C-alpha atoms as a PDB file:
ATOM      1  CA  MET A   1       0.601  25.481 -39.645  1.00  0.00           C
ATOM      2  CA  GLY A   2      -1.207  27.848 -41.343  1.00  0.00           C
ATOM      3  CA  LYS A   3      -4.773  29.359 -40.217  1.00  0.00           C
ATOM      4  CA  LYS A   4      -6.836  26.469 -42.457  1.00  0.00           C
ATOM      5  CA  ASN A   5      -5.100  23.552 -40.483  1.00  0.00           C
ATOM      6  CA  ARG A   6      -5.973  25.057 -36.920  1.00  0.00           C
ATOM      7  CA  ARG A   7      -9.227  25.833 -38.138  1.00  0.00           C
ATOM      8  CA  GLN A   8      -9.882  22.079 -39.368  1.00  0.00           C
ATOM      9  CA  GLN A   9      -7.864  21.218 -35.962  1.00  0.00           C
ATOM     10  CA  ALA A  10     -10.555  23.355 -34.255  1.00  0.00           C
ATOM     11  CA  GLU A  11     -13.905  22.081 -36.209  1.00  0.00           C
ATOM     12  CA  ALA A  12     -12.347  18.281 -34.986  1.00  0.00           C
ATOM     13  CA  VAL A  13     -12.340  19.646 -31.325  1.00  0.00           C
ATOM     14  CA  ALA A  14     -15.049  21.128 -31.742  1.00  0.00           C
ATOM     15  CA  ALA A  15     -16.974  18.160 -33.469  1.00  0.00           C
ATOM     16  CA  ALA A  16     -15.275  15.852 -30.377  1.00  0.00           C
ATOM     17  CA  ILE A  17     -17.091  18.151 -27.390  1.00  0.00           C
ATOM     18  CA  ASP A  18     -20.271  18.167 -28.993  1.00  0.00           C
ATOM     19  CA  ASP A  19     -20.408  14.316 -29.663  1.00  0.00           C
ATOM     20  CA  PRO A  20     -18.939  12.778 -27.103  1.00  0.00           C
ATOM     21  CA  PRO A  21     -18.228   8.902 -27.912  1.00  0.00           C
ATOM     22  CA  ALA A  22     -19.946   6.018 -25.549  1.00  0.00           C
ATOM     23  CA  VAL A  23     -17.004   4.609 -23.485  1.00  0.00           C
ATOM     24  CA  ALA A  24     -17.867   2.537 -20.757  1.00  0.00           C
ATOM     25  CA  ASP A  25     -16.655   4.217 -17.595  1.00  0.00           C
ATOM     26  CA  PRO A  26     -13.023   2.780 -16.450  1.00  0.00           C
ATOM     27  CA  VAL A  27     -13.984   3.299 -12.753  1.00  0.00           C
ATOM     28  CA  GLN A  28     -16.387   0.797 -11.359  1.00  0.00           C
ATOM     29  CA  HIS A  29     -18.976   2.199  -9.182  1.00  0.00           C
ATOM     30  CA  CYS A  30     -18.674   0.124  -6.299  1.00  0.00           C
ATOM     31  CA  PRO A  31     -19.312   1.214  -2.798  1.00  0.00           C
ATOM     32  CA  GLN A  32     -15.990   2.184  -1.432  1.00  0.00           C
ATOM     33  CA  GLU A  33     -15.404   0.247   1.830  1.00  0.00           C
ATOM     34  CA  GLU A  34     -14.895   1.807   5.356  1.00  0.00           C
ATOM     35  CA  ASP A  35     -11.955   3.293   6.453  1.00  0.00           C
ATOM     36  CA  THR A  36      -9.371   0.686   7.734  1.00  0.00           C
ATOM     37  CA  SER A  37      -6.768   3.070   9.555  1.00  0.00           C
ATOM     38  CA  THR A  38      -8.173   1.355  13.219  1.00  0.00           C
ATOM     39  CA  GLU A  39      -7.895  -1.687  11.428  1.00  0.00           C
ATOM     40  CA  VAL A  40      -4.333  -1.690  10.525  1.00  0.00           C
ATOM     41  CA  PHE A  41      -3.385   0.443  13.905  1.00  0.00           C
ATOM     42  CA  LEU A  42      -4.665  -2.635  15.507  1.00  0.00           C
ATOM     43  CA  TRP A  43      -2.658  -5.234  13.850  1.00  0.00           C
ATOM     44  CA  LEU A  44       0.585  -2.578  14.448  1.00  0.00           C
ATOM     45  CA  LEU A  45      -0.509  -3.100  17.791  1.00  0.00           C
ATOM     46  CA  ALA A  46      -0.671  -6.785  18.036  1.00  0.00           C
ATOM     47  CA  TYR A  47       2.618  -7.451  16.387  1.00  0.00           C
ATOM     48  CA  SER A  48       4.406  -5.046  18.319  1.00  0.00           C
ATOM     49  CA  VAL A  49       3.577  -6.728  21.831  1.00  0.00           C
ATOM     50  CA  LEU A  50       4.263 -10.438  20.477  1.00  0.00           C
ATOM     51  CA  MET A  51       7.793  -8.765  19.378  1.00  0.00           C
ATOM     52  CA  PHE A  52       8.246  -6.981  23.035  1.00  0.00           C
ATOM     53  CA  THR A  53       6.712 -10.527  24.972  1.00  0.00           C
ATOM     54  CA  LEU A  54       8.050 -13.314  22.620  1.00  0.00           C
ATOM     55  CA  PRO A  55      11.649 -12.777  22.913  1.00  0.00           C
ATOM     56  CA  PHE A  56      11.751 -12.749  26.629  1.00  0.00           C
ATOM     57  CA  LEU A  57       9.170 -15.400  26.758  1.00  0.00           C
ATOM     58  CA  GLY A  58      12.029 -17.457  24.376  1.00  0.00           C
ATOM     59  CA  PHE A  59      14.953 -16.478  26.179  1.00  0.00           C
ATOM     60  CA  TYR A  60      14.023 -17.078  29.435  1.00  0.00           C
ATOM     61  CA  GLY A  61      12.109 -20.375  28.355  1.00  0.00           C
ATOM     62  CA  VAL A  62      15.018 -21.746  26.660  1.00  0.00           C
ATOM     63  CA  ARG A  63      17.587 -20.459  29.388  1.00  0.00           C
ATOM     64  CA  SER A  64      15.513 -21.912  32.114  1.00  0.00           C
ATOM     65  CA  TRP A  65      14.921 -25.814  29.924  1.00  0.00           C
ATOM     66  CA  LEU A  66      19.319 -25.274  29.424  1.00  0.00           C
ATOM     67  CA  GLN A  67      19.540 -24.908  32.536  1.00  0.00           C
ATOM     68  CA  GLU A  68      17.454 -27.632  34.433  1.00  0.00           C
ATOM     69  CA  SER A  69      18.492 -30.174  31.502  1.00  0.00           C
ATOM     70  CA  PHE A  70      21.542 -29.395  30.786  1.00  0.00           C
ATOM     71  CA  PRO A  71      23.208 -28.786  34.700  1.00  0.00           C
ATOM     72  CA  HIS A  72      26.849 -29.306  32.993  1.00  0.00           C
ATOM     73  CA  LEU A  73      26.759 -26.197  30.216  1.00  0.00           C
ATOM     74  CA  ASP A  74      28.398 -22.916  31.459  1.00  0.00           C
ATOM     75  CA  ILE A  75      26.647 -20.031  31.575  1.00  0.00           C
ATOM     76  CA  PHE A  76      27.588 -18.574  28.358  1.00  0.00           C
ATOM     77  CA  THR A  77      26.802 -21.198  26.666  1.00  0.00           C
ATOM     78  CA  VAL A  78      23.435 -21.297  27.944  1.00  0.00           C
ATOM     79  CA  ASN A  79      23.248 -17.573  27.587  1.00  0.00           C
ATOM     80  CA  CYS A  80      24.114 -17.940  23.697  1.00  0.00           C
ATOM     81  CA  TRP A  81      21.465 -20.214  23.165  1.00  0.00           C
ATOM     82  CA  SER A  82      19.222 -18.138  24.756  1.00  0.00           C
ATOM     83  CA  VAL A  83      20.227 -14.767  22.721  1.00  0.00           C
ATOM     84  CA  LEU A  84      20.292 -16.885  19.769  1.00  0.00           C
ATOM     85  CA  THR A  85      16.385 -17.739  20.322  1.00  0.00           C
ATOM     86  CA  ALA A  86      15.363 -14.377  21.196  1.00  0.00           C
ATOM     87  CA  VAL A  87      16.713 -13.051  18.247  1.00  0.00           C
ATOM     88  CA  LEU A  88      15.251 -15.673  15.947  1.00  0.00           C
ATOM     89  CA  VAL A  89      11.966 -14.715  17.499  1.00  0.00           C
ATOM     90  CA  VAL A  90      12.032 -11.156  16.638  1.00  0.00           C
ATOM     91  CA  ASN A  91      13.201 -12.354  12.856  1.00  0.00           C
ATOM     92  CA  LEU A  92      10.302 -14.891  12.754  1.00  0.00           C
ATOM     93  CA  VAL A  93       7.403 -11.852  14.033  1.00  0.00           C
ATOM     94  CA  VAL A  94       8.447  -9.606  11.015  1.00  0.00           C
ATOM     95  CA  ALA A  95       8.746 -11.620   8.499  1.00  0.00           C
ATOM     96  CA  MET A  96       5.118 -12.627   9.816  1.00  0.00           C
ATOM     97  CA  TYR A  97       4.197  -9.420   9.652  1.00  0.00           C
ATOM     98  CA  VAL A  98       6.134  -8.590   6.394  1.00  0.00           C
ATOM     99  CA  LEU A  99       4.162 -11.976   4.958  1.00  0.00           C
ATOM    100  CA  LYS A 100       0.611 -10.356   6.558  1.00  0.00           C
ATOM    101  CA  ALA A 101       1.442  -7.065   4.772  1.00  0.00           C
ATOM    102  CA  PHE A 102       2.072  -8.486   1.636  1.00  0.00           C
ATOM    103  CA  ARG A 103      -0.970 -10.885   1.467  1.00  0.00           C
ATOM    104  CA  GLU A 104      -3.144  -7.650   2.520  1.00  0.00           C
ATOM    105  CA  LYS A 105      -5.692  -6.732  -0.588  1.00  0.00           C
ATOM    106  CA  PRO A 106      -5.085  -3.689  -2.290  1.00  0.00           C
ATOM    107  CA  PRO A 107      -7.315  -0.627  -1.789  1.00  0.00           C
ATOM    108  CA  PRO A 108     -10.327  -0.145  -4.157  1.00  0.00           C
ATOM    109  CA  PRO A 109      -9.770   2.526  -6.744  1.00  0.00           C
ATOM    110  CA  LEU A 110     -11.287   6.328  -5.150  1.00  0.00           C
ATOM    111  CA  GLU A 111     -14.214   7.376  -7.581  1.00  0.00           C
ATOM    112  CA  GLN A 112     -13.128   9.501 -10.231  1.00  0.00           C
ATOM    113  CA  VAL A 113     -13.983  13.358 -10.657  1.00  0.00           C
ATOM    114  CA  GLN A 114     -15.009  14.383 -14.220  1.00  0.00           C
ATOM    115  CA  GLN A 115     -14.343  17.450 -15.053  1.00  0.00           C
ATOM    116  CA  ASP A 116     -17.148  19.197 -17.234  1.00  0.00           C
ATOM    117  CA  VAL A 117     -15.544  20.979 -20.291  1.00  0.00           C
ATOM    118  CA  ASP A 118     -17.381  24.665 -20.417  1.00  0.00           C
ATOM    119  CA  GLU A 119     -19.105  25.431 -23.290  1.00  0.00           C
ATOM    120  CA  ASP A 120     -17.840  28.913 -23.957  1.00  0.00           C
ATOM    121  CA  GLU A 121     -14.461  28.327 -23.855  1.00  0.00           C
ATOM    122  CA  GLU A 122     -12.904  28.229 -27.033  1.00  0.00           C
ATOM    123  CA  PRO A 123     -11.776  24.865 -28.916  1.00  0.00           C
ATOM    124  CA  GLU A 124      -8.445  26.037 -29.041  1.00  0.00           C
ATOM    125  CA  ALA A 125      -8.267  26.456 -25.416  1.00  0.00           C
ATOM    126  CA  ILE A 126      -8.486  23.603 -24.552  1.00  0.00           C
ATOM    127  CA  GLU A 127      -5.787  21.715 -26.916  1.00  0.00           C
ATOM    128  CA  PRO A 128      -2.163  21.724 -25.246  1.00  0.00           C
ATOM    129  CA  LYS A 129      -0.759  25.050 -27.663  1.00  0.00           C
ATOM    130  CA  LYS A 130       2.681  23.568 -29.300  1.00  0.00           C
ATOM    131  CA  GLU A 131       5.596  26.247 -29.855  1.00  0.00           C
ATOM    132  CA  GLN A 132       7.084  27.175 -33.394  1.00  0.00           C
END
């Protein structure tokens, strides 16, 4: 790479700096939505409460129903069905939380900060230098 090639590259870079092409801004300037961290925290709190209370309600509800409706069942069988119900309820709450997370809209893109190139800099400093 001789001086002539470097000079041509420097002239091309200088021309590109002086006359930037008219390119549409890829980032749309829309108003940023307010912080949704409190909303996310409230949903997490709601699902945590559901995960704590619903398995207990399912366990004791099924246990009570089986003991009243089927008095001939032994305690072990009643407890097994009650525990199975509690485990299924926990899995249902987790699945609902995951489904809500998948349906959530992606956050808007952050506004891009454009860096202006100083006119005092030499064009060679802008290009990455190639090793020989």
